[in-house]
PDB file of N, CA and C in Angstrom:
ATOM      1  N   MET A   1       6.178  11.702   1.758  1.00  0.00           N
ATOM      2  CA  MET A   1       5.140  11.623   0.756  1.00  0.00           C
ATOM      3  C   MET A   1       5.750  11.110  -0.560  1.00  0.00           C
ATOM      4  N   TRP A   2       5.045  10.219  -1.208  1.00  0.00           N
ATOM      5  CA  TRP A   2       5.506   9.625  -2.463  1.00  0.00           C
ATOM      6  C   TRP A   2       4.930  10.396  -3.643  1.00  0.00           C
ATOM      7  N   THR A   3       5.721  10.548  -4.687  1.00  0.00           N
ATOM      8  CA  THR A   3       5.336  11.289  -5.880  1.00  0.00           C
ATOM      9  C   THR A   3       5.535  10.424  -7.117  1.00  0.00           C
ATOM     10  N   VAL A   4       4.554  10.456  -8.022  1.00  0.00           N
ATOM     11  CA  VAL A   4       4.664   9.718  -9.280  1.00  0.00           C
ATOM     12  C   VAL A   4       5.628  10.460 -10.194  1.00  0.00           C
ATOM     13  N   ILE A   5       6.649   9.746 -10.696  1.00  0.00           N
ATOM     14  CA  ILE A   5       7.601  10.384 -11.606  1.00  0.00           C
ATOM     15  C   ILE A   5       7.475   9.859 -13.026  1.00  0.00           C
ATOM     16  N   TYR A   6       6.800   8.710 -13.173  1.00  0.00           N
ATOM     17  CA  TYR A   6       6.721   8.112 -14.509  1.00  0.00           C
ATOM     18  C   TYR A   6       5.583   7.103 -14.518  1.00  0.00           C
ATOM     19  N   ILE A   7       4.913   6.979 -15.658  1.00  0.00           N
ATOM     20  CA  ILE A   7       3.917   5.926 -15.847  1.00  0.00           C
ATOM     21  C   ILE A   7       4.445   5.009 -16.933  1.00  0.00           C
ATOM     22  N   ALA A   8       4.777   3.801 -16.525  1.00  0.00           N
ATOM     23  CA  ALA A   8       5.349   2.811 -17.448  1.00  0.00           C
ATOM     24  C   ALA A   8       4.218   2.090 -18.182  1.00  0.00           C
ATOM     25  N   PRO A   9       4.384   1.874 -19.493  1.00  0.00           N
ATOM     26  CA  PRO A   9       3.326   1.239 -20.282  1.00  0.00           C
ATOM     27  C   PRO A   9       3.213  -0.269 -20.090  1.00  0.00           C
ATOM     28  N   THR A  10       4.235  -0.905 -19.515  1.00  0.00           N
ATOM     29  CA  THR A  10       4.187  -2.349 -19.290  1.00  0.00           C
ATOM     30  C   THR A  10       4.840  -2.691 -17.954  1.00  0.00           C
ATOM     31  N   ALA A  11       4.527  -3.883 -17.461  1.00  0.00           N
ATOM     32  CA  ALA A  11       5.127  -4.346 -16.208  1.00  0.00           C
ATOM     33  C   ALA A  11       6.635  -4.510 -16.361  1.00  0.00           C
ATOM     34  N   ARG A  12       7.076  -4.981 -17.516  1.00  0.00           N
ATOM     35  CA  ARG A  12       8.504  -5.203 -17.740  1.00  0.00           C
ATOM     36  C   ARG A  12       9.283  -3.891 -17.665  1.00  0.00           C
ATOM     37  N   ILE A  13       8.758  -2.852 -18.282  1.00  0.00           N
ATOM     38  CA  ILE A  13       9.426  -1.546 -18.235  1.00  0.00           C
ATOM     39  C   ILE A  13       9.422  -1.007 -16.801  1.00  0.00           C
ATOM     40  N   ALA A  14       8.311  -1.169 -16.104  1.00  0.00           N
ATOM     41  CA  ALA A  14       8.233  -0.717 -14.704  1.00  0.00           C
ATOM     42  C   ALA A  14       9.263  -1.436 -13.855  1.00  0.00           C
ATOM     43  N   GLU A  15       9.410  -2.742 -14.045  1.00  0.00           N
ATOM     44  CA  GLU A  15      10.395  -3.514 -13.279  1.00  0.00           C
ATOM     45  C   GLU A  15      11.816  -3.048 -13.594  1.00  0.00           C
ATOM     46  N   ASN A  16      12.096  -2.795 -14.861  1.00  0.00           N
ATOM     47  CA  ASN A  16      13.427  -2.353 -15.267  1.00  0.00           C
ATOM     48  C   ASN A  16      13.767  -0.996 -14.649  1.00  0.00           C
ATOM     49  N   ILE A  17      12.849  -0.059 -14.726  1.00  0.00           N
ATOM     50  CA  ILE A  17      13.092   1.281 -14.170  1.00  0.00           C
ATOM     51  C   ILE A  17      13.244   1.207 -12.655  1.00  0.00           C
ATOM     52  N   THR A  18      12.383   0.438 -11.997  1.00  0.00           N
ATOM     53  CA  THR A  18      12.457   0.292 -10.545  1.00  0.00           C
ATOM     54  C   THR A  18      13.791  -0.308 -10.137  1.00  0.00           C
ATOM     55  N   LYS A  19      14.223  -1.341 -10.840  1.00  0.00           N
ATOM     56  CA  LYS A  19      15.502  -2.001 -10.544  1.00  0.00           C
ATOM     57  C   LYS A  19      16.669  -1.041 -10.720  1.00  0.00           C
ATOM     58  N   ARG A  20      16.674  -0.310 -11.833  1.00  0.00           N
ATOM     59  CA  ARG A  20      17.805   0.596 -12.113  1.00  0.00           C
ATOM     60  C   ARG A  20      17.867   1.746 -11.115  1.00  0.00           C
ATOM     61  N   LEU A  21      16.703   2.312 -10.753  1.00  0.00           N
ATOM     62  CA  LEU A  21      16.700   3.405  -9.780  1.00  0.00           C
ATOM     63  C   LEU A  21      17.115   2.905  -8.397  1.00  0.00           C
ATOM     64  N   THR A  22      16.712   1.696  -8.041  1.00  0.00           N
ATOM     65  CA  THR A  22      17.110   1.107  -6.768  1.00  0.00           C
ATOM     66  C   THR A  22      18.621   0.901  -6.736  1.00  0.00           C
ATOM     67  N   GLU A  23      19.185   0.445  -7.856  1.00  0.00           N
ATOM     68  CA  GLU A  23      20.634   0.270  -7.948  1.00  0.00           C
ATOM     69  C   GLU A  23      21.367   1.600  -7.786  1.00  0.00           C
ATOM     70  N   GLU A  24      20.724   2.691  -8.183  1.00  0.00           N
ATOM     71  CA  GLU A  24      21.314   4.034  -8.027  1.00  0.00           C
ATOM     72  C   GLU A  24      21.206   4.526  -6.580  1.00  0.00           C
ATOM     73  N   GLY A  25      20.483   3.772  -5.729  1.00  0.00           N
ATOM     74  CA  GLY A  25      20.378   4.124  -4.320  1.00  0.00           C
ATOM     75  C   GLY A  25      19.099   4.836  -3.922  1.00  0.00           C
ATOM     76  N   PHE A  26      18.115   4.858  -4.813  1.00  0.00           N
ATOM     77  CA  PHE A  26      16.864   5.543  -4.509  1.00  0.00           C
ATOM     78  C   PHE A  26      15.816   4.570  -3.979  1.00  0.00           C
ATOM     79  N   MET A  27      14.924   5.079  -3.131  1.00  0.00           N
ATOM     80  CA  MET A  27      13.762   4.295  -2.710  1.00  0.00           C
ATOM     81  C   MET A  27      12.718   4.459  -3.809  1.00  0.00           C
ATOM     82  N   VAL A  28      12.171   3.335  -4.278  1.00  0.00           N
ATOM     83  CA  VAL A  28      11.246   3.361  -5.411  1.00  0.00           C
ATOM     84  C   VAL A  28      10.105   2.392  -5.147  1.00  0.00           C
ATOM     85  N   GLN A  29       8.906   2.781  -5.574  1.00  0.00           N
ATOM     86  CA  GLN A  29       7.742   1.899  -5.534  1.00  0.00           C
ATOM     87  C   GLN A  29       7.123   1.870  -6.922  1.00  0.00           C
ATOM     88  N   ALA A  30       6.486   0.760  -7.244  1.00  0.00           N
ATOM     89  CA  ALA A  30       5.719   0.664  -8.488  1.00  0.00           C
ATOM     90  C   ALA A  30       4.359   0.099  -8.128  1.00  0.00           C
ATOM     91  N   ARG A  31       3.309   0.664  -8.735  1.00  0.00           N
ATOM     92  CA  ARG A  31       1.967   0.146  -8.484  1.00  0.00           C
ATOM     93  C   ARG A  31       1.146   0.262  -9.760  1.00  0.00           C
ATOM     94  N   PRO A  32       0.209  -0.667  -9.950  1.00  0.00           N
ATOM     95  CA  PRO A  32      -0.625  -0.606 -11.158  1.00  0.00           C
ATOM     96  C   PRO A  32      -1.520   0.627 -11.134  1.00  0.00           C
ATOM     97  N   VAL A  33      -1.720   1.217 -12.303  1.00  0.00           N
ATOM     98  CA  VAL A  33      -2.602   2.383 -12.411  1.00  0.00           C
ATOM     99  C   VAL A  33      -4.045   1.946 -12.192  1.00  0.00           C
ATOM    100  N   SER A  34      -4.445   0.860 -12.853  1.00  0.00           N
ATOM    101  CA  SER A  34      -5.786   0.296 -12.664  1.00  0.00           C
ATOM    102  C   SER A  34      -5.738  -1.171 -13.049  1.00  0.00           C
ATOM    103  N   LEU A  35      -6.765  -1.901 -12.693  1.00  0.00           N
ATOM    104  CA  LEU A  35      -6.787  -3.327 -13.004  1.00  0.00           C
ATOM    105  C   LEU A  35      -7.023  -3.593 -14.487  1.00  0.00           C
ATOM    106  N   SER A  36      -7.659  -2.667 -15.178  1.00  0.00           N
ATOM    107  CA  SER A  36      -7.992  -2.908 -16.579  1.00  0.00           C
ATOM    108  C   SER A  36      -6.843  -2.590 -17.538  1.00  0.00           C
ATOM    109  N   LYS A  37      -5.900  -1.767 -17.097  1.00  0.00           N
ATOM    110  CA  LYS A  37      -4.773  -1.389 -17.951  1.00  0.00           C
ATOM    111  C   LYS A  37      -3.492  -1.986 -17.393  1.00  0.00           C
ATOM    112  N   GLN A  38      -2.505  -2.165 -18.241  1.00  0.00           N
ATOM    113  CA  GLN A  38      -1.227  -2.709 -17.814  1.00  0.00           C
ATOM    114  C   GLN A  38      -0.204  -1.600 -17.553  1.00  0.00           C
ATOM    115  N   GLN A  39      -0.655  -0.431 -17.175  1.00  0.00           N
ATOM    116  CA  GLN A  39       0.259   0.669 -16.886  1.00  0.00           C
ATOM    117  C   GLN A  39       0.616   0.675 -15.404  1.00  0.00           C
ATOM    118  N   PHE A  40       1.832   1.129 -15.106  1.00  0.00           N
ATOM    119  CA  PHE A  40       2.310   1.148 -13.727  1.00  0.00           C
ATOM    120  C   PHE A  40       2.893   2.506 -13.392  1.00  0.00           C
ATOM    121  N   GLU A  41       2.522   3.033 -12.219  1.00  0.00           N
ATOM    122  CA  GLU A  41       3.105   4.274 -11.733  1.00  0.00           C
ATOM    123  C   GLU A  41       4.418   3.955 -11.026  1.00  0.00           C
ATOM    124  N   ILE A  42       5.440   4.754 -11.292  1.00  0.00           N
ATOM    125  CA  ILE A  42       6.711   4.661 -10.584  1.00  0.00           C
ATOM    126  C   ILE A  42       6.720   5.828  -9.609  1.00  0.00           C
ATOM    127  N   LEU A  43       6.872   5.519  -8.323  1.00  0.00           N
ATOM    128  CA  LEU A  43       6.828   6.541  -7.283  1.00  0.00           C
ATOM    129  C   LEU A  43       8.144   6.614  -6.517  1.00  0.00           C
ATOM    130  N   VAL A  44       8.493   7.837  -6.107  1.00  0.00           N
ATOM    131  CA  VAL A  44       9.683   8.071  -5.287  1.00  0.00           C
ATOM    132  C   VAL A  44       9.322   9.073  -4.197  1.00  0.00           C
ATOM    133  N   PRO A  45      10.103   9.113  -3.106  1.00  0.00           N
ATOM    134  CA  PRO A  45       9.856  10.146  -2.087  1.00  0.00           C
ATOM    135  C   PRO A  45      10.014  11.539  -2.690  1.00  0.00           C
ATOM    136  N   SER A  46       9.110  12.436  -2.338  1.00  0.00           N
ATOM    137  CA  SER A  46       9.127  13.777  -2.934  1.00  0.00           C
ATOM    138  C   SER A  46      10.424  14.526  -2.650  1.00  0.00           C
ATOM    139  N   GLY A  47      11.105  14.222  -1.554  1.00  0.00           N
ATOM    140  CA  GLY A  47      12.366  14.883  -1.229  1.00  0.00           C
ATOM    141  C   GLY A  47      13.504  14.516  -2.170  1.00  0.00           C
ATOM    142  N   GLU A  48      13.375  13.396  -2.895  1.00  0.00           N
ATOM    143  CA  GLU A  48      14.416  12.951  -3.823  1.00  0.00           C
ATOM    144  C   GLU A  48      14.054  13.222  -5.275  1.00  0.00           C
ATOM    145  N   LEU A  49      12.989  13.956  -5.497  1.00  0.00           N
ATOM    146  CA  LEU A  49      12.423  14.115  -6.834  1.00  0.00           C
ATOM    147  C   LEU A  49      13.428  14.606  -7.871  1.00  0.00           C
ATOM    148  N   GLU A  50      14.155  15.680  -7.572  1.00  0.00           N
ATOM    149  CA  GLU A  50      15.075  16.241  -8.567  1.00  0.00           C
ATOM    150  C   GLU A  50      16.187  15.269  -8.930  1.00  0.00           C
ATOM    151  N   GLU A  51      16.776  14.627  -7.925  1.00  0.00           N
ATOM    152  CA  GLU A  51      17.860  13.688  -8.183  1.00  0.00           C
ATOM    153  C   GLU A  51      17.364  12.492  -8.993  1.00  0.00           C
ATOM    154  N   VAL A  52      16.175  12.006  -8.644  1.00  0.00           N
ATOM    155  CA  VAL A  52      15.619  10.841  -9.345  1.00  0.00           C
ATOM    156  C   VAL A  52      15.282  11.200 -10.789  1.00  0.00           C
ATOM    157  N   GLN A  53      14.775  12.402 -11.025  1.00  0.00           N
ATOM    158  CA  GLN A  53      14.443  12.803 -12.399  1.00  0.00           C
ATOM    159  C   GLN A  53      15.676  12.772 -13.288  1.00  0.00           C
ATOM    160  N   GLU A  54      16.814  13.215 -12.764  1.00  0.00           N
ATOM    161  CA  GLU A  54      18.055  13.177 -13.547  1.00  0.00           C
ATOM    162  C   GLU A  54      18.441  11.739 -13.866  1.00  0.00           C
ATOM    163  N   ALA A  55      18.364  10.855 -12.867  1.00  0.00           N
ATOM    164  CA  ALA A  55      18.699   9.443 -13.076  1.00  0.00           C
ATOM    165  C   ALA A  55      17.711   8.807 -14.052  1.00  0.00           C
ATOM    166  N   LEU A  56      16.428   9.123 -13.907  1.00  0.00           N
ATOM    167  CA  LEU A  56      15.402   8.565 -14.791  1.00  0.00           C
ATOM    168  C   LEU A  56      15.644   8.997 -16.239  1.00  0.00           C
ATOM    169  N   ASN A  57      15.994  10.260 -16.450  1.00  0.00           N
ATOM    170  CA  ASN A  57      16.280  10.728 -17.806  1.00  0.00           C
ATOM    171  C   ASN A  57      17.416   9.946 -18.450  1.00  0.00           C
ATOM    172  N   SER A  58      18.466   9.655 -17.680  1.00  0.00           N
ATOM    173  CA  SER A  58      19.570   8.902 -18.258  1.00  0.00           C
ATOM    174  C   SER A  58      19.158   7.456 -18.530  1.00  0.00           C
ATOM    175  N   ILE A  59      18.300   6.884 -17.692  1.00  0.00           N
ATOM    176  CA  ILE A  59      17.812   5.524 -17.910  1.00  0.00           C
ATOM    177  C   ILE A  59      16.956   5.458 -19.175  1.00  0.00           C
ATOM    178  N   LEU A  60      16.059   6.418 -19.326  1.00  0.00           N
ATOM    179  CA  LEU A  60      15.138   6.405 -20.462  1.00  0.00           C
ATOM    180  C   LEU A  60      15.834   6.695 -21.792  1.00  0.00           C
ATOM    181  N   HIS A  61      16.946   7.407 -21.744  1.00  0.00           N
ATOM    182  CA  HIS A  61      17.639   7.785 -22.973  1.00  0.00           C
ATOM    183  C   HIS A  61      18.889   6.950 -23.249  1.00  0.00           C
ATOM    184  N   SER A  62      19.015   5.818 -22.538  1.00  0.00           N
ATOM    185  CA  SER A  62      20.184   4.969 -22.781  1.00  0.00           C
ATOM    186  C   SER A  62      19.824   3.783 -23.656  1.00  0.00           C
TER     187      SER A  62
END
């Protein structure tokens, strides 16, 4: 099961986060929240949630 860990405000930020998490070895998906907004959900398998949250925090604060 996939879990949303972050909602990115732009496609560029979503691509950057997806790329960095993939480089860390995680399976990651990104999908648009809706057609009218440019926000994107970043999803990961629920079994990797804790590990991904730690990696995401370091990405967001770097």
